[in-house]
Structures are given as C-alpha cells and as structure tokens.
N, C-alpha and C. Protein backbone atom coordinates (compact mmCIF):
# COMPACT_ATOMS: atom_id res chain seq x y z
N MET A 1 55.79 54.19 -7.16
CA MET A 1 55.52 55.62 -7.06
C MET A 1 56.84 56.37 -7.06
N LYS A 2 56.89 57.44 -7.84
CA LYS A 2 58.08 58.28 -7.91
C LYS A 2 58.28 59.01 -6.58
N LYS A 3 59.52 59.16 -6.18
CA LYS A 3 59.83 59.89 -4.96
C LYS A 3 59.46 61.36 -5.14
N SER A 4 58.75 61.91 -4.15
CA SER A 4 58.30 63.29 -4.21
C SER A 4 58.79 64.06 -2.99
N ILE A 5 59.64 65.05 -3.24
CA ILE A 5 60.14 65.90 -2.16
C ILE A 5 58.97 66.62 -1.48
N GLY A 6 58.05 67.17 -2.29
CA GLY A 6 56.90 67.88 -1.73
C GLY A 6 56.07 67.00 -0.82
N ARG A 7 55.83 65.76 -1.24
CA ARG A 7 55.02 64.84 -0.43
C ARG A 7 55.72 64.52 0.90
N ILE A 8 57.00 64.22 0.85
CA ILE A 8 57.71 63.86 2.08
C ILE A 8 57.79 65.06 3.03
N ILE A 9 57.94 66.27 2.47
CA ILE A 9 57.97 67.46 3.31
C ILE A 9 56.60 67.67 3.96
N THR A 10 55.54 67.45 3.20
CA THR A 10 54.19 67.58 3.76
C THR A 10 53.96 66.59 4.89
N LEU A 11 54.36 65.33 4.68
CA LEU A 11 54.20 64.32 5.72
C LEU A 11 55.03 64.66 6.96
N LEU A 12 56.27 65.08 6.74
CA LEU A 12 57.12 65.49 7.86
C LEU A 12 56.53 66.68 8.61
N SER A 13 56.02 67.63 7.86
CA SER A 13 55.43 68.82 8.47
C SER A 13 54.29 68.43 9.40
N ARG A 14 53.44 67.55 8.94
CA ARG A 14 52.32 67.09 9.78
C ARG A 14 52.81 66.38 11.03
N SER A 15 53.78 65.50 10.86
CA SER A 15 54.30 64.75 12.01
C SER A 15 54.96 65.68 13.02
N ILE A 16 55.75 66.60 12.52
CA ILE A 16 56.43 67.55 13.41
C ILE A 16 55.42 68.45 14.10
N TYR A 17 54.37 68.84 13.38
CA TYR A 17 53.31 69.67 13.97
C TYR A 17 52.74 69.00 15.22
N PHE A 18 52.43 67.71 15.12
CA PHE A 18 51.85 67.02 16.27
C PHE A 18 52.85 66.83 17.40
N ASP A 19 54.11 66.61 17.07
CA ASP A 19 55.15 66.54 18.10
C ASP A 19 55.33 67.88 18.79
N LEU A 20 55.34 68.96 18.01
CA LEU A 20 55.56 70.29 18.57
C LEU A 20 54.47 70.71 19.55
N LYS A 21 53.27 70.19 19.35
CA LYS A 21 52.19 70.50 20.30
C LYS A 21 52.64 70.17 21.72
N ASP A 22 53.27 69.02 21.89
CA ASP A 22 53.73 68.59 23.21
C ASP A 22 54.86 69.47 23.74
N VAL A 23 55.61 70.08 22.83
CA VAL A 23 56.73 70.94 23.24
C VAL A 23 56.25 72.33 23.63
N VAL A 24 55.36 72.94 22.82
CA VAL A 24 55.01 74.35 23.03
C VAL A 24 53.80 74.57 23.94
N GLU A 25 52.87 73.63 23.98
CA GLU A 25 51.66 73.85 24.78
C GLU A 25 51.93 74.04 26.27
N PRO A 26 52.93 73.36 26.86
CA PRO A 26 53.22 73.63 28.28
C PRO A 26 53.63 75.08 28.56
N PHE A 27 54.01 75.81 27.52
CA PHE A 27 54.41 77.21 27.67
C PHE A 27 53.27 78.17 27.35
N GLY A 28 52.06 77.62 27.19
CA GLY A 28 50.89 78.45 26.94
C GLY A 28 50.77 78.92 25.50
N LEU A 29 51.46 78.26 24.59
CA LEU A 29 51.41 78.62 23.17
C LEU A 29 50.82 77.49 22.35
N THR A 30 50.28 77.85 21.20
CA THR A 30 49.87 76.84 20.23
C THR A 30 50.99 76.71 19.20
N VAL A 31 50.94 75.63 18.43
CA VAL A 31 51.94 75.45 17.38
C VAL A 31 51.86 76.60 16.38
N GLY A 32 50.66 77.08 16.12
CA GLY A 32 50.48 78.18 15.19
C GLY A 32 51.04 79.50 15.70
N GLU A 33 51.06 79.68 17.01
CA GLU A 33 51.59 80.92 17.59
C GLU A 33 53.11 80.92 17.70
N GLU A 34 53.69 79.75 17.77
CA GLU A 34 55.12 79.62 18.03
C GLU A 34 56.01 80.38 17.03
N PRO A 35 55.77 80.30 15.72
CA PRO A 35 56.67 81.04 14.81
C PRO A 35 56.62 82.55 15.01
N TYR A 36 55.45 83.08 15.33
CA TYR A 36 55.31 84.53 15.58
C TYR A 36 56.07 84.90 16.85
N PHE A 37 55.88 84.10 17.87
CA PHE A 37 56.53 84.32 19.16
C PHE A 37 58.05 84.31 18.99
N ILE A 38 58.55 83.32 18.28
CA ILE A 38 60.00 83.20 18.07
C ILE A 38 60.51 84.37 17.22
N ALA A 39 59.76 84.76 16.20
CA ALA A 39 60.17 85.90 15.37
C ALA A 39 60.31 87.16 16.21
N LEU A 40 59.35 87.39 17.10
CA LEU A 40 59.42 88.57 17.97
C LEU A 40 60.54 88.45 19.00
N ALA A 41 60.80 87.25 19.45
CA ALA A 41 61.89 87.05 20.40
C ALA A 41 63.23 87.37 19.76
N HIS A 42 63.34 87.09 18.47
CA HIS A 42 64.60 87.35 17.76
C HIS A 42 64.70 88.78 17.27
N GLU A 43 63.54 89.44 17.08
CA GLU A 43 63.55 90.80 16.54
C GLU A 43 62.38 91.57 17.14
N ASP A 44 62.51 91.90 18.40
CA ASP A 44 61.45 92.61 19.12
C ASP A 44 61.21 93.99 18.50
N GLY A 45 59.97 94.44 18.53
CA GLY A 45 59.65 95.77 18.04
C GLY A 45 59.24 95.80 16.58
N LEU A 46 58.89 94.65 16.02
CA LEU A 46 58.42 94.61 14.64
C LEU A 46 57.02 95.20 14.54
N THR A 47 56.68 95.73 13.37
CA THR A 47 55.29 96.09 13.12
C THR A 47 54.56 94.82 12.73
N GLN A 48 53.24 94.89 12.70
CA GLN A 48 52.46 93.72 12.33
C GLN A 48 52.78 93.29 10.89
N ASP A 49 52.96 94.25 9.99
CA ASP A 49 53.32 93.92 8.61
C ASP A 49 54.69 93.25 8.53
N GLU A 50 55.64 93.76 9.29
CA GLU A 50 56.97 93.14 9.30
C GLU A 50 56.91 91.72 9.84
N LEU A 51 56.10 91.52 10.88
CA LEU A 51 55.94 90.18 11.45
C LEU A 51 55.30 89.25 10.42
N THR A 52 54.31 89.74 9.70
CA THR A 52 53.67 88.96 8.64
C THR A 52 54.71 88.49 7.63
N ASN A 53 55.60 89.38 7.25
CA ASN A 53 56.65 89.02 6.28
C ASN A 53 57.65 88.03 6.85
N ARG A 54 58.00 88.18 8.12
CA ARG A 54 58.97 87.26 8.74
C ARG A 54 58.41 85.85 8.82
N VAL A 55 57.12 85.75 9.13
CA VAL A 55 56.51 84.43 9.32
C VAL A 55 55.99 83.87 7.98
N ASN A 56 55.87 84.75 7.00
CA ASN A 56 55.48 84.35 5.65
C ASN A 56 54.04 83.81 5.59
N VAL A 57 53.12 84.61 6.13
CA VAL A 57 51.70 84.27 6.11
C VAL A 57 50.91 85.50 5.67
N ASP A 58 49.58 85.37 5.67
CA ASP A 58 48.77 86.53 5.29
C ASP A 58 48.49 87.41 6.51
N LYS A 59 48.11 88.65 6.24
CA LYS A 59 47.92 89.65 7.30
C LYS A 59 46.83 89.26 8.29
N SER A 60 45.77 88.63 7.82
CA SER A 60 44.67 88.29 8.72
C SER A 60 45.10 87.21 9.73
N ALA A 61 45.93 86.28 9.29
CA ALA A 61 46.44 85.26 10.22
C ALA A 61 47.30 85.92 11.30
N THR A 62 48.13 86.86 10.89
CA THR A 62 48.98 87.56 11.85
C THR A 62 48.12 88.33 12.86
N ALA A 63 47.09 89.00 12.37
CA ALA A 63 46.20 89.77 13.27
C ALA A 63 45.58 88.86 14.32
N ARG A 64 45.12 87.69 13.90
CA ARG A 64 44.50 86.75 14.85
C ARG A 64 45.50 86.27 15.91
N VAL A 65 46.70 85.91 15.45
CA VAL A 65 47.70 85.40 16.38
C VAL A 65 48.17 86.49 17.33
N VAL A 66 48.40 87.69 16.82
CA VAL A 66 48.85 88.79 17.68
C VAL A 66 47.80 89.07 18.75
N LYS A 67 46.54 89.06 18.37
CA LYS A 67 45.47 89.29 19.34
C LYS A 67 45.48 88.20 20.42
N SER A 68 45.66 86.96 20.01
CA SER A 68 45.72 85.85 20.95
C SER A 68 46.91 86.00 21.89
N LEU A 69 48.07 86.35 21.34
CA LEU A 69 49.26 86.54 22.18
C LEU A 69 49.09 87.71 23.15
N GLU A 70 48.38 88.74 22.70
CA GLU A 70 48.08 89.87 23.60
C GLU A 70 47.19 89.42 24.75
N LEU A 71 46.14 88.67 24.42
CA LEU A 71 45.21 88.20 25.45
C LEU A 71 45.91 87.29 26.47
N LYS A 72 46.94 86.62 26.05
CA LYS A 72 47.71 85.75 26.94
C LYS A 72 48.75 86.52 27.73
N GLY A 73 48.87 87.81 27.44
CA GLY A 73 49.84 88.64 28.16
C GLY A 73 51.27 88.45 27.69
N LEU A 74 51.44 88.00 26.45
CA LEU A 74 52.77 87.73 25.93
C LEU A 74 53.29 88.81 24.97
N VAL A 75 52.37 89.60 24.41
CA VAL A 75 52.74 90.63 23.45
C VAL A 75 52.03 91.93 23.80
N SER A 76 52.73 93.03 23.62
CA SER A 76 52.10 94.34 23.79
C SER A 76 52.32 95.13 22.50
N ARG A 77 51.40 96.09 22.27
CA ARG A 77 51.50 96.98 21.10
C ARG A 77 51.76 98.39 21.59
N GLU A 78 52.69 99.05 20.93
CA GLU A 78 52.97 100.45 21.26
C GLU A 78 53.04 101.25 19.97
N ILE A 79 52.54 102.46 20.00
CA ILE A 79 52.59 103.31 18.82
C ILE A 79 54.04 103.63 18.49
N ASP A 80 54.39 103.49 17.23
CA ASP A 80 55.73 103.78 16.75
C ASP A 80 55.96 105.29 16.80
N PRO A 81 56.92 105.75 17.60
CA PRO A 81 57.14 107.20 17.69
C PRO A 81 57.60 107.83 16.37
N MET A 82 58.18 107.02 15.48
CA MET A 82 58.65 107.52 14.18
C MET A 82 57.52 107.60 13.16
N ASP A 83 56.51 106.76 13.32
CA ASP A 83 55.38 106.73 12.39
C ASP A 83 54.13 106.34 13.19
N LYS A 84 53.37 107.32 13.57
CA LYS A 84 52.22 107.12 14.47
C LYS A 84 51.16 106.17 13.90
N ARG A 85 51.24 105.89 12.59
CA ARG A 85 50.27 104.97 11.98
C ARG A 85 50.59 103.52 12.31
N ASN A 86 51.83 103.26 12.66
CA ASN A 86 52.27 101.90 12.95
C ASN A 86 52.30 101.62 14.45
N LYS A 87 52.11 100.36 14.77
CA LYS A 87 52.27 99.92 16.15
C LYS A 87 53.36 98.87 16.19
N LYS A 88 54.26 99.05 17.12
CA LYS A 88 55.35 98.10 17.30
C LYS A 88 54.90 97.00 18.26
N LEU A 89 55.25 95.78 17.93
CA LEU A 89 54.91 94.64 18.77
C LEU A 89 56.14 94.25 19.59
N SER A 90 55.91 94.05 20.87
CA SER A 90 57.01 93.69 21.76
C SER A 90 56.59 92.56 22.68
N LEU A 91 57.55 91.72 23.00
CA LEU A 91 57.28 90.68 23.99
C LEU A 91 57.23 91.32 25.37
N THR A 92 56.32 90.85 26.18
CA THR A 92 56.22 91.32 27.55
C THR A 92 57.33 90.66 28.38
N GLU A 93 57.50 91.13 29.60
CA GLU A 93 58.48 90.51 30.50
C GLU A 93 58.13 89.04 30.73
N LYS A 94 56.84 88.76 30.87
CA LYS A 94 56.37 87.38 31.03
C LYS A 94 56.82 86.54 29.83
N ALA A 95 56.66 87.08 28.62
CA ALA A 95 57.03 86.36 27.40
C ALA A 95 58.53 86.11 27.33
N LYS A 96 59.31 87.07 27.78
CA LYS A 96 60.77 86.92 27.75
C LYS A 96 61.21 85.77 28.65
N LEU A 97 60.53 85.61 29.77
CA LEU A 97 60.83 84.48 30.65
C LEU A 97 60.41 83.17 29.99
N VAL A 98 59.25 83.17 29.35
CA VAL A 98 58.77 81.98 28.64
C VAL A 98 59.75 81.60 27.54
N TYR A 99 60.26 82.60 26.83
CA TYR A 99 61.15 82.34 25.70
C TYR A 99 62.40 81.57 26.12
N ILE A 100 62.96 81.90 27.25
CA ILE A 100 64.18 81.22 27.71
C ILE A 100 63.93 79.71 27.80
N SER A 101 62.89 79.32 28.48
CA SER A 101 62.59 77.91 28.65
C SER A 101 62.10 77.27 27.35
N LEU A 102 61.31 78.00 26.59
CA LEU A 102 60.79 77.48 25.33
C LEU A 102 61.93 77.21 24.35
N SER A 103 62.87 78.13 24.25
CA SER A 103 63.97 77.94 23.30
C SER A 103 64.81 76.72 23.68
N GLU A 104 64.97 76.48 24.98
CA GLU A 104 65.68 75.28 25.43
C GLU A 104 64.91 74.02 25.04
N ALA A 105 63.60 74.05 25.21
CA ALA A 105 62.76 72.90 24.86
C ALA A 105 62.79 72.65 23.35
N LEU A 106 62.76 73.72 22.55
CA LEU A 106 62.81 73.57 21.10
C LEU A 106 64.17 73.06 20.64
N ASP A 107 65.24 73.53 21.27
CA ASP A 107 66.58 73.02 20.95
C ASP A 107 66.67 71.53 21.26
N LYS A 108 66.15 71.15 22.41
CA LYS A 108 66.16 69.74 22.81
C LYS A 108 65.36 68.90 21.81
N TYR A 109 64.21 69.39 21.39
CA TYR A 109 63.39 68.67 20.42
C TYR A 109 64.16 68.52 19.10
N ASN A 110 64.77 69.58 18.64
CA ASN A 110 65.54 69.52 17.39
C ASN A 110 66.69 68.52 17.50
N GLN A 111 67.35 68.49 18.65
CA GLN A 111 68.45 67.54 18.84
C GLN A 111 67.93 66.11 18.82
N GLN A 112 66.78 65.86 19.46
CA GLN A 112 66.21 64.52 19.45
C GLN A 112 65.78 64.12 18.04
N LEU A 113 65.24 65.06 17.31
CA LEU A 113 64.76 64.81 15.95
C LEU A 113 65.89 64.37 15.03
N THR A 114 67.07 64.90 15.24
CA THR A 114 68.19 64.66 14.32
C THR A 114 69.37 63.96 14.99
N LYS A 115 69.14 63.30 16.11
CA LYS A 115 70.25 62.75 16.88
C LYS A 115 71.06 61.67 16.15
N GLU A 116 70.45 60.99 15.17
CA GLU A 116 71.18 59.96 14.43
C GLU A 116 72.02 60.54 13.30
N TRP A 117 71.89 61.82 13.03
CA TRP A 117 72.59 62.44 11.91
C TRP A 117 73.98 62.92 12.30
N THR A 118 74.88 62.86 11.35
CA THR A 118 76.18 63.49 11.53
C THR A 118 76.00 65.00 11.30
N ASP A 119 76.98 65.77 11.68
CA ASP A 119 76.93 67.22 11.40
C ASP A 119 76.82 67.47 9.90
N GLU A 120 77.52 66.64 9.13
CA GLU A 120 77.50 66.79 7.67
C GLU A 120 76.08 66.53 7.13
N GLN A 121 75.42 65.49 7.62
CA GLN A 121 74.05 65.21 7.18
C GLN A 121 73.11 66.34 7.57
N TYR A 122 73.25 66.80 8.81
CA TYR A 122 72.40 67.88 9.28
C TYR A 122 72.56 69.11 8.39
N ASN A 123 73.78 69.50 8.15
CA ASN A 123 74.05 70.69 7.33
C ASN A 123 73.54 70.52 5.91
N PHE A 124 73.71 69.32 5.34
CA PHE A 124 73.24 69.08 3.98
C PHE A 124 71.72 69.22 3.89
N VAL A 125 71.00 68.58 4.81
CA VAL A 125 69.54 68.65 4.80
C VAL A 125 69.08 70.08 5.05
N TYR A 126 69.67 70.74 6.04
CA TYR A 126 69.28 72.11 6.36
C TYR A 126 69.50 73.04 5.17
N GLU A 127 70.67 72.98 4.59
CA GLU A 127 70.98 73.86 3.46
C GLU A 127 70.09 73.55 2.25
N SER A 128 69.77 72.29 2.03
CA SER A 128 68.89 71.92 0.91
C SER A 128 67.48 72.47 1.12
N LEU A 129 66.96 72.32 2.32
CA LEU A 129 65.62 72.84 2.61
C LEU A 129 65.60 74.37 2.60
N GLU A 130 66.65 74.96 3.11
CA GLU A 130 66.76 76.42 3.09
C GLU A 130 66.78 76.94 1.65
N SER A 131 67.47 76.22 0.78
CA SER A 131 67.52 76.59 -0.63
C SER A 131 66.13 76.54 -1.26
N LEU A 132 65.36 75.52 -0.94
CA LEU A 132 63.98 75.43 -1.43
C LEU A 132 63.14 76.59 -0.91
N GLN A 133 63.30 76.92 0.37
CA GLN A 133 62.55 78.01 0.96
C GLN A 133 62.88 79.34 0.28
N LEU A 134 64.15 79.57 0.03
CA LEU A 134 64.57 80.80 -0.65
C LEU A 134 63.99 80.88 -2.06
N LYS A 135 63.89 79.73 -2.71
CA LYS A 135 63.29 79.69 -4.04
C LYS A 135 61.85 80.17 -3.99
N PHE A 136 61.10 79.74 -2.98
CA PHE A 136 59.72 80.17 -2.83
C PHE A 136 59.61 81.65 -2.46
N GLU A 137 60.52 82.11 -1.61
CA GLU A 137 60.52 83.54 -1.24
C GLU A 137 60.81 84.40 -2.47
N ASN A 138 61.76 83.98 -3.29
CA ASN A 138 62.09 84.72 -4.50
C ASN A 138 60.90 84.73 -5.47
N LYS A 139 60.24 83.60 -5.57
CA LYS A 139 59.06 83.49 -6.44
C LYS A 139 57.96 84.42 -5.96
N LYS A 140 57.77 84.50 -4.64
CA LYS A 140 56.75 85.37 -4.06
C LYS A 140 57.08 86.84 -4.30
N ASN A 141 58.35 87.19 -4.16
CA ASN A 141 58.78 88.59 -4.31
C ASN A 141 58.98 89.01 -5.75
N ASN A 142 59.12 88.05 -6.66
CA ASN A 142 59.33 88.35 -8.09
C ASN A 142 58.40 87.50 -8.94
N PRO A 143 57.11 87.79 -8.91
CA PRO A 143 56.15 86.93 -9.63
C PRO A 143 56.32 86.89 -11.10
C-alpha cells in the first residue's frame, strides 16, 4: 500500500481525540468544545462568526458549542456596543480559572506526545502540517 499522508493524519486525529478526552473532561469540557474554548481564551470578545472562522467549522456547530459553554457557565454573550446586531463572546471568570489549569494539562500532553522528538523534528513536523493547513485555508477562501 502506498503511503498516504491523509490516512495517517486521520488515524492520528482519531487516536489523539481519544487521548484528549482524558485531558479535557476533568475540566468540564468535551474534546469538541476545547478548540472553541482555547480560541476564546486567546482572543476574548470574538463574535460567533469570528469564532466560527477561527475554529474553521460551520456556523451551526459553533452555535451548539457556544450554547453548551454558556450552560456550563464558561462563556457569556454581550451585545457589541459598536454594532448592536452582534454579540461578543467572553470567557467567564470561572472559565479563566479553568483555562490556566487546562493549558498546563494540554502543554503536558503535547510534551508527552512528542517527548522522543528533537526540537528539529518537532519544528519540521509542525511546519509541514501547518503548511498543509494553510493550503486548505487558502483553498476555502479562494475557491
């Protein structure tokens, strides 16, 4: 069988998904909620559309996750004073406390995942995957 980058990425994605459950669930999050949570932690005050673009999913998925995060007391919505049609999403104080511990747990997981790699290997794999991701983003934005 010919080596397939897509296949190996799919298999890795599934394996990492199941590992991440053990990392994020103790913080009251699902694996599906984690990218939204992290995006807001890095750029608080996004609109729902901006969050959709950051996470690179469809609007309905974002709406479901935002609602779930709201019900958990991790996200609040406030009307944008500059554009009353938009609502800004912000992490609650509870979420900010969760983020500190969660980010440490995610860093630890990433270190364990790649502990046998040299810095050069890590950078090569990261940059290669990032290049593939950018290719897809460009394709999406320039059909």
